[in-house]
C-alpha atoms as a PDB file:
ATOM      1  CA  UNK A   1      -0.072  -0.216   0.071  1.00  0.00           C
ATOM      2  CA  UNK A   2       2.788   2.306   0.919  1.00  0.00           C
ATOM      3  CA  UNK A   3       4.559   1.611  -2.386  1.00  0.00           C
ATOM      4  CA  UNK A   4       1.569   1.802  -4.744  1.00  0.00           C
ATOM      5  CA  UNK A   5       0.540   5.176  -3.110  1.00  0.00           C
ATOM      6  CA  UNK A   6       3.846   6.602  -3.404  1.00  0.00           C
ATOM      7  CA  UNK A   7       4.152   5.610  -6.852  1.00  0.00           C
ATOM      8  CA  UNK A   8       0.925   7.130  -7.768  1.00  0.00           C
ATOM      9  CA  UNK A   9       1.996  10.397  -6.292  1.00  0.00           C
ATOM     10  CA  UNK A  10       5.444  10.469  -7.552  1.00  0.00           C
ATOM     11  CA  UNK A  11       4.322   9.412 -11.160  1.00  0.00           C
ATOM     12  CA  UNK A  12       1.032  11.763 -11.325  1.00  0.00           C
ATOM     13  CA  UNK A  13       2.667  14.383 -13.792  1.00  0.00           C
ATOM     14  CA  UNK A  14       4.122  11.568 -16.035  1.00  0.00           C
ATOM     15  CA  UNK A  15       0.845   9.739 -15.819  1.00  0.00           C
ATOM     16  CA  UNK A  16      -1.070  12.835 -17.029  1.00  0.00           C
ATOM     17  CA  UNK A  17       0.858  13.048 -19.958  1.00  0.00           C
ATOM     18  CA  UNK A  18       0.599   9.343 -21.060  1.00  0.00           C
ATOM     19  CA  UNK A  19      -2.714   8.382 -22.708  1.00  0.00           C
ATOM     20  CA  UNK A  20      -2.558   4.924 -21.099  1.00  0.00           C
ATOM     21  CA  UNK A  21      -2.507   6.271 -17.576  1.00  0.00           C
ATOM     22  CA  UNK A  22      -4.197   9.791 -17.955  1.00  0.00           C
ATOM     23  CA  UNK A  23      -7.507   8.239 -16.606  1.00  0.00           C
ATOM     24  CA  UNK A  24      -6.061   7.281 -13.232  1.00  0.00           C
ATOM     25  CA  UNK A  25      -7.399   8.920 -10.215  1.00  0.00           C
ATOM     26  CA  UNK A  26      -4.761  11.500  -9.537  1.00  0.00           C
ATOM     27  CA  UNK A  27      -4.485  12.948 -13.143  1.00  0.00           C
ATOM     28  CA  UNK A  28      -8.362  13.013 -13.299  1.00  0.00           C
ATOM     29  CA  UNK A  29      -8.427  14.780  -9.754  1.00  0.00           C
ATOM     30  CA  UNK A  30     -10.532  12.123  -8.384  1.00  0.00           C
ATOM     31  CA  UNK A  31      -8.114  11.921  -5.301  1.00  0.00           C
ATOM     32  CA  UNK A  32      -5.641  14.586  -3.881  1.00  0.00           C
ATOM     33  CA  UNK A  33      -2.025  14.101  -3.806  1.00  0.00           C
ATOM     34  CA  UNK A  34      -2.302  14.705   0.082  1.00  0.00           C
ATOM     35  CA  UNK A  35      -4.683  11.741   0.459  1.00  0.00           C
ATOM     36  CA  UNK A  36      -2.285   9.445  -1.201  1.00  0.00           C
ATOM     37  CA  UNK A  37       0.537  10.641   0.799  1.00  0.00           C
ATOM     38  CA  UNK A  38      -1.385   9.985   3.965  1.00  0.00           C
ATOM     39  CA  UNK A  39      -1.984   6.630   2.792  1.00  0.00           C
ATOM     40  CA  UNK A  40       1.548   5.920   2.040  1.00  0.00           C
ATOM     41  CA  UNK A  41       2.571   6.973   5.359  1.00  0.00           C
ATOM     42  CA  UNK A  42      -0.186   4.803   7.191  1.00  0.00           C
ATOM     43  CA  UNK A  43       1.154   1.851   5.105  1.00  0.00           C
ATOM     44  CA  UNK A  44       4.636   2.501   6.106  1.00  0.00           C
ATOM     45  CA  UNK A  45       3.602   2.766   9.796  1.00  0.00           C
ATOM     46  CA  UNK A  46       1.603  -0.380   9.684  1.00  0.00           C
ATOM     47  CA  UNK A  47       4.594  -2.257   8.011  1.00  0.00           C
ATOM     48  CA  UNK A  48       6.821  -1.089  10.807  1.00  0.00           C
ATOM     49  CA  UNK A  49       4.447  -2.141  13.554  1.00  0.00           C
ATOM     50  CA  UNK A  50       3.822  -5.329  11.899  1.00  0.00           C
ATOM     51  CA  UNK A  51       7.553  -6.230  11.557  1.00  0.00           C
ATOM     52  CA  UNK A  52       8.183  -5.329  15.049  1.00  0.00           C
ATOM     53  CA  UNK A  53       5.504  -7.878  15.889  1.00  0.00           C
ATOM     54  CA  UNK A  54       7.306 -10.737  13.940  1.00  0.00           C
ATOM     55  CA  UNK A  55      11.061 -10.774  15.115  1.00  0.00           C
ATOM     56  CA  UNK A  56      13.975  -8.255  15.673  1.00  0.00           C
ATOM     57  CA  UNK A  57      15.498  -9.206  12.149  1.00  0.00           C
ATOM     58  CA  UNK A  58      12.184  -8.165  10.585  1.00  0.00           C
ATOM     59  CA  UNK A  59      12.148  -4.826  12.446  1.00  0.00           C
ATOM     60  CA  UNK A  60      15.820  -4.145  11.566  1.00  0.00           C
ATOM     61  CA  UNK A  61      15.474  -4.731   7.999  1.00  0.00           C
ATOM     62  CA  UNK A  62      12.205  -2.805   7.430  1.00  0.00           C
ATOM     63  CA  UNK A  63      13.202   0.709   7.114  1.00  0.00           C
ATOM     64  CA  UNK A  64      15.702  -0.524   4.365  1.00  0.00           C
ATOM     65  CA  UNK A  65      12.800  -2.296   2.704  1.00  0.00           C
ATOM     66  CA  UNK A  66      10.803   1.052   2.742  1.00  0.00           C
ATOM     67  CA  UNK A  67      13.750   2.745   1.003  1.00  0.00           C
ATOM     68  CA  UNK A  68      13.230   0.601  -2.070  1.00  0.00           C
ATOM     69  CA  UNK A  69       9.360   0.490  -1.672  1.00  0.00           C
ATOM     70  CA  UNK A  70       9.291   4.434  -2.052  1.00  0.00           C
ATOM     71  CA  UNK A  71      12.687   4.901  -4.097  1.00  0.00           C
ATOM     72  CA  UNK A  72      11.867   2.375  -6.972  1.00  0.00           C
ATOM     73  CA  UNK A  73       9.344   4.987  -8.431  1.00  0.00           C
ATOM     74  CA  UNK A  74      12.304   7.418  -9.176  1.00  0.00           C
ATOM     75  CA  UNK A  75      14.587   5.023 -11.028  1.00  0.00           C
ATOM     76  CA  UNK A  76      13.110   5.120 -14.241  1.00  0.00           C
ATOM     77  CA  UNK A  77      14.120   8.772 -14.353  1.00  0.00           C
ATOM     78  CA  UNK A  78      17.747   7.905 -14.704  1.00  0.00           C
ATOM     79  CA  UNK A  79      18.432   4.177 -15.469  1.00  0.00           C
ATOM     80  CA  UNK A  80      16.939   1.471 -17.694  1.00  0.00           C
ATOM     81  CA  UNK A  81      17.764  -0.953 -14.852  1.00  0.00           C
ATOM     82  CA  UNK A  82      14.486   0.009 -13.161  1.00  0.00           C
ATOM     83  CA  UNK A  83      12.739  -3.130 -14.409  1.00  0.00           C
ATOM     84  CA  UNK A  84      15.238  -5.251 -12.024  1.00  0.00           C
ATOM     85  CA  UNK A  85      14.937  -2.726  -9.330  1.00  0.00           C
ATOM     86  CA  UNK A  86      11.306  -3.086  -9.141  1.00  0.00           C
ATOM     87  CA  UNK A  87      11.897  -6.827  -9.188  1.00  0.00           C
ATOM     88  CA  UNK A  88      14.329  -6.552  -6.392  1.00  0.00           C
ATOM     89  CA  UNK A  89      11.733  -4.436  -4.469  1.00  0.00           C
ATOM     90  CA  UNK A  90       9.004  -6.926  -4.926  1.00  0.00           C
ATOM     91  CA  UNK A  91      11.103  -9.826  -3.920  1.00  0.00           C
ATOM     92  CA  UNK A  92      11.640  -8.157  -0.667  1.00  0.00           C
ATOM     93  CA  UNK A  93       8.130  -9.425   0.311  1.00  0.00           C
ATOM     94  CA  UNK A  94       9.106 -12.975  -0.515  1.00  0.00           C
ATOM     95  CA  UNK A  95      12.508 -13.101   1.343  1.00  0.00           C
ATOM     96  CA  UNK A  96      10.829 -10.960   4.113  1.00  0.00           C
ATOM     97  CA  UNK A  97       8.040 -13.765   4.452  1.00  0.00           C
ATOM     98  CA  UNK A  98      10.675 -16.365   5.080  1.00  0.00           C
ATOM     99  CA  UNK A  99      12.728 -14.271   7.572  1.00  0.00           C
ATOM    100  CA  UNK A 100       9.263 -13.679   9.320  1.00  0.00           C
ATOM    101  CA  UNK A 101       8.966 -17.440   9.942  1.00  0.00           C
ATOM    102  CA  UNK A 102      12.586 -18.401  10.340  1.00  0.00           C
ATOM    103  CA  UNK A 103      14.083 -15.510  12.071  1.00  0.00           C
ATOM    104  CA  UNK A 104      17.057 -15.322   9.904  1.00  0.00           C
ATOM    105  CA  UNK A 105      18.591 -15.329   6.442  1.00  0.00           C
ATOM    106  CA  UNK A 106      19.060 -18.685   4.662  1.00  0.00           C
ATOM    107  CA  UNK A 107      20.035 -19.753   1.109  1.00  0.00           C
ATOM    108  CA  UNK A 108      16.421 -20.570   0.083  1.00  0.00           C
ATOM    109  CA  UNK A 109      15.353 -17.023   1.077  1.00  0.00           C
ATOM    110  CA  UNK A 110      18.050 -15.646  -1.418  1.00  0.00           C
ATOM    111  CA  UNK A 111      16.913 -17.820  -4.223  1.00  0.00           C
ATOM    112  CA  UNK A 112      13.336 -17.011  -3.803  1.00  0.00           C
ATOM    113  CA  UNK A 113      14.230 -13.315  -3.540  1.00  0.00           C
ATOM    114  CA  UNK A 114      16.214 -13.854  -7.103  1.00  0.00           C
ATOM    115  CA  UNK A 115      13.122 -15.718  -8.631  1.00  0.00           C
ATOM    116  CA  UNK A 116      10.964 -12.834  -7.654  1.00  0.00           C
ATOM    117  CA  UNK A 117      13.327 -10.211  -9.052  1.00  0.00           C
ATOM    118  CA  UNK A 118      13.712 -11.822 -12.444  1.00  0.00           C
ATOM    119  CA  UNK A 119      10.036 -12.809 -12.718  1.00  0.00           C
ATOM    120  CA  UNK A 120       8.914  -9.261 -12.038  1.00  0.00           C
ATOM    121  CA  UNK A 121      11.490  -7.909 -14.243  1.00  0.00           C
ATOM    122  CA  UNK A 122      10.484 -10.000 -17.040  1.00  0.00           C
ATOM    123  CA  UNK A 123       6.881  -9.093 -16.986  1.00  0.00           C
ATOM    124  CA  UNK A 124       7.570  -5.360 -16.549  1.00  0.00           C
ATOM    125  CA  UNK A 125       9.895  -5.450 -19.664  1.00  0.00           C
ATOM    126  CA  UNK A 126       6.798  -6.543 -21.412  1.00  0.00           C
ATOM    127  CA  UNK A 127       4.614  -4.130 -19.927  1.00  0.00           C
ATOM    128  CA  UNK A 128       6.759  -1.154 -20.625  1.00  0.00           C
ATOM    129  CA  UNK A 129       6.797  -2.108 -24.346  1.00  0.00           C
ATOM    130  CA  UNK A 130       3.285  -0.420 -24.383  1.00  0.00           C
ATOM    131  CA  UNK A 131       4.944   3.024 -23.618  1.00  0.00           C
ATOM    132  CA  UNK A 132       8.097   3.290 -25.501  1.00  0.00           C
ATOM    133  CA  UNK A 133       7.179   6.377 -27.618  1.00  0.00           C
ATOM    134  CA  UNK A 134       5.908   8.091 -24.414  1.00  0.00           C
ATOM    135  CA  UNK A 135       9.010   7.196 -22.489  1.00  0.00           C
ATOM    136  CA  UNK A 136      11.258   8.367 -25.271  1.00  0.00           C
ATOM    137  CA  UNK A 137       9.187  11.760 -25.544  1.00  0.00           C
ATOM    138  CA  UNK A 138       9.301  12.366 -21.543  1.00  0.00           C
ATOM    139  CA  UNK A 139      13.133  11.441 -21.307  1.00  0.00           C
ATOM    140  CA  UNK A 140      12.134   8.070 -19.231  1.00  0.00           C
ATOM    141  CA  UNK A 141      14.729   5.328 -19.312  1.00  0.00           C
ATOM    142  CA  UNK A 142      12.950   2.072 -19.795  1.00  0.00           C
ATOM    143  CA  UNK A 143      14.812  -0.740 -21.523  1.00  0.00           C
ATOM    144  CA  UNK A 144      12.388  -1.004 -24.564  1.00  0.00           C
ATOM    145  CA  UNK A 145      12.725   2.897 -25.087  1.00  0.00           C
ATOM    146  CA  UNK A 146      16.509   2.554 -24.904  1.00  0.00           C
ATOM    147  CA  UNK A 147      17.161  -0.817 -26.651  1.00  0.00           C
ATOM    148  CA  UNK A 148      13.919  -1.399 -28.750  1.00  0.00           C
ATOM    149  CA  UNK A 149      11.073  -3.752 -28.105  1.00  0.00           C
ATOM    150  CA  UNK A 150      12.562  -6.984 -29.969  1.00  0.00           C
ATOM    151  CA  UNK A 151      15.453  -6.634 -27.271  1.00  0.00           C
ATOM    152  CA  UNK A 152      13.107  -6.129 -24.314  1.00  0.00           C
ATOM    153  CA  UNK A 153      11.048  -9.149 -25.336  1.00  0.00           C
ATOM    154  CA  UNK A 154      14.053 -11.437 -25.902  1.00  0.00           C
ATOM    155  CA  UNK A 155      15.254 -10.238 -22.312  1.00  0.00           C
ATOM    156  CA  UNK A 156      11.795 -10.772 -20.779  1.00  0.00           C
ATOM    157  CA  UNK A 157      12.128 -14.518 -21.834  1.00  0.00           C
ATOM    158  CA  UNK A 158      15.582 -15.105 -20.663  1.00  0.00           C
ATOM    159  CA  UNK A 159      14.444 -13.430 -17.082  1.00  0.00           C
ATOM    160  CA  UNK A 160      11.574 -16.049 -16.993  1.00  0.00           C
ATOM    161  CA  UNK A 161      13.813 -18.739 -17.872  1.00  0.00           C
ATOM    162  CA  UNK A 162      15.817 -17.748 -14.988  1.00  0.00           C
ATOM    163  CA  UNK A 163      12.648 -17.541 -12.930  1.00  0.00           C
ATOM    164  CA  UNK A 164      11.827 -21.231 -13.703  1.00  0.00           C
ATOM    165  CA  UNK A 165      15.556 -22.172 -13.027  1.00  0.00           C
ATOM    166  CA  UNK A 166      15.455 -20.482  -9.495  1.00  0.00           C
ATOM    167  CA  UNK A 167      12.200 -22.002  -8.491  1.00  0.00           C
ATOM    168  CA  UNK A 168      13.835 -25.387  -9.403  1.00  0.00           C
ATOM    169  CA  UNK A 169      16.632 -24.782  -7.396  1.00  0.00           C
ATOM    170  CA  UNK A 170      14.430 -23.647  -4.341  1.00  0.00           C
ATOM    171  CA  UNK A 171      12.523 -26.933  -4.698  1.00  0.00           C
ATOM    172  CA  UNK A 172      15.836 -28.739  -4.466  1.00  0.00           C
ATOM    173  CA  UNK A 173      16.943 -26.770  -1.535  1.00  0.00           C
ATOM    174  CA  UNK A 174      14.162 -27.339   0.555  1.00  0.00           C
ATOM    175  CA  UNK A 175      13.318 -31.016  -0.530  1.00  0.00           C
ATOM    176  CA  UNK A 176       9.958 -30.049  -1.786  1.00  0.00           C
ATOM    177  CA  UNK A 177       7.452 -33.085  -2.788  1.00  0.00           C
ATOM    178  CA  UNK A 178       5.521 -33.961  -5.782  1.00  0.00           C
ATOM    179  CA  UNK A 179       3.002 -31.153  -5.300  1.00  0.00           C
ATOM    180  CA  UNK A 180       5.508 -28.447  -5.578  1.00  0.00           C
ATOM    181  CA  UNK A 181       6.960 -29.999  -8.794  1.00  0.00           C
ATOM    182  CA  UNK A 182       3.386 -30.076 -10.317  1.00  0.00           C
ATOM    183  CA  UNK A 183       2.967 -26.339  -9.405  1.00  0.00           C
ATOM    184  CA  UNK A 184       6.380 -25.533 -11.066  1.00  0.00           C
ATOM    185  CA  UNK A 185       5.266 -27.443 -14.210  1.00  0.00           C
ATOM    186  CA  UNK A 186       2.081 -25.244 -14.169  1.00  0.00           C
ATOM    187  CA  UNK A 187       4.169 -22.117 -13.589  1.00  0.00           C
ATOM    188  CA  UNK A 188       6.640 -22.922 -16.310  1.00  0.00           C
ATOM    189  CA  UNK A 189       3.474 -23.569 -18.717  1.00  0.00           C
ATOM    190  CA  UNK A 190       1.873 -20.179 -17.629  1.00  0.00           C
ATOM    191  CA  UNK A 191       5.413 -18.368 -18.371  1.00  0.00           C
ATOM    192  CA  UNK A 192       5.453 -20.003 -22.024  1.00  0.00           C
ATOM    193  CA  UNK A 193       1.713 -18.928 -22.710  1.00  0.00           C
ATOM    194  CA  UNK A 194       2.621 -15.488 -21.463  1.00  0.00           C
ATOM    195  CA  UNK A 195       5.169 -15.015 -24.017  1.00  0.00           C
ATOM    196  CA  UNK A 196       3.193 -16.486 -26.859  1.00  0.00           C
ATOM    197  CA  UNK A 197       0.540 -13.754 -26.312  1.00  0.00           C
ATOM    198  CA  UNK A 198       3.097 -10.917 -27.136  1.00  0.00           C
ATOM    199  CA  UNK A 199       5.127 -10.262 -30.322  1.00  0.00           C
ATOM    200  CA  UNK A 200       7.368  -7.154 -31.265  1.00  0.00           C
ATOM    201  CA  UNK A 201       4.912  -6.294 -34.177  1.00  0.00           C
ATOM    202  CA  UNK A 202       1.942  -6.142 -31.987  1.00  0.00           C
ATOM    203  CA  UNK A 203       3.631  -3.992 -29.388  1.00  0.00           C
ATOM    204  CA  UNK A 204       5.437  -1.620 -32.122  1.00  0.00           C
END
């Protein structure tokens, strides 16, 4: 909630100039920036309280997580690596859930974090292909705007192959049973299907 509210506030002027996002609540004036800022602060406070109720390590790491949750919205203004920073930021939730239960860092938490990083980056690369012309016009640094849509789609496929590999490694590290591997096959199938739906021609 903190991240999404902050993102809408940070990007409100960019969203207003993008036909795809101009209908969002802030550009249309249906919500005020101060309302979203208050929601972001409330979300951050709730996160800190919740982390404190879990264990000391969660509480100690939560301010760092908040830096990424708010800060990632600014990254597309100066780097095309913003897709992986978003993935890394979302991956904090997976690693954080692991730490909440175990109370410590372990190898599976890092593998899960990596899996989320490349999964999110992969579909964000596809998502960003919709806004190539707008990003170029506004001086934003998405990977598709910098390197082309075909390059972004190829890299998205690579990221999702890494996702499948990381989830397989996670299954081995944690000695998961047959149900996990059935789920893994479903995930791989869905990723393949996802990529069958998009093409450089359709997104150009």
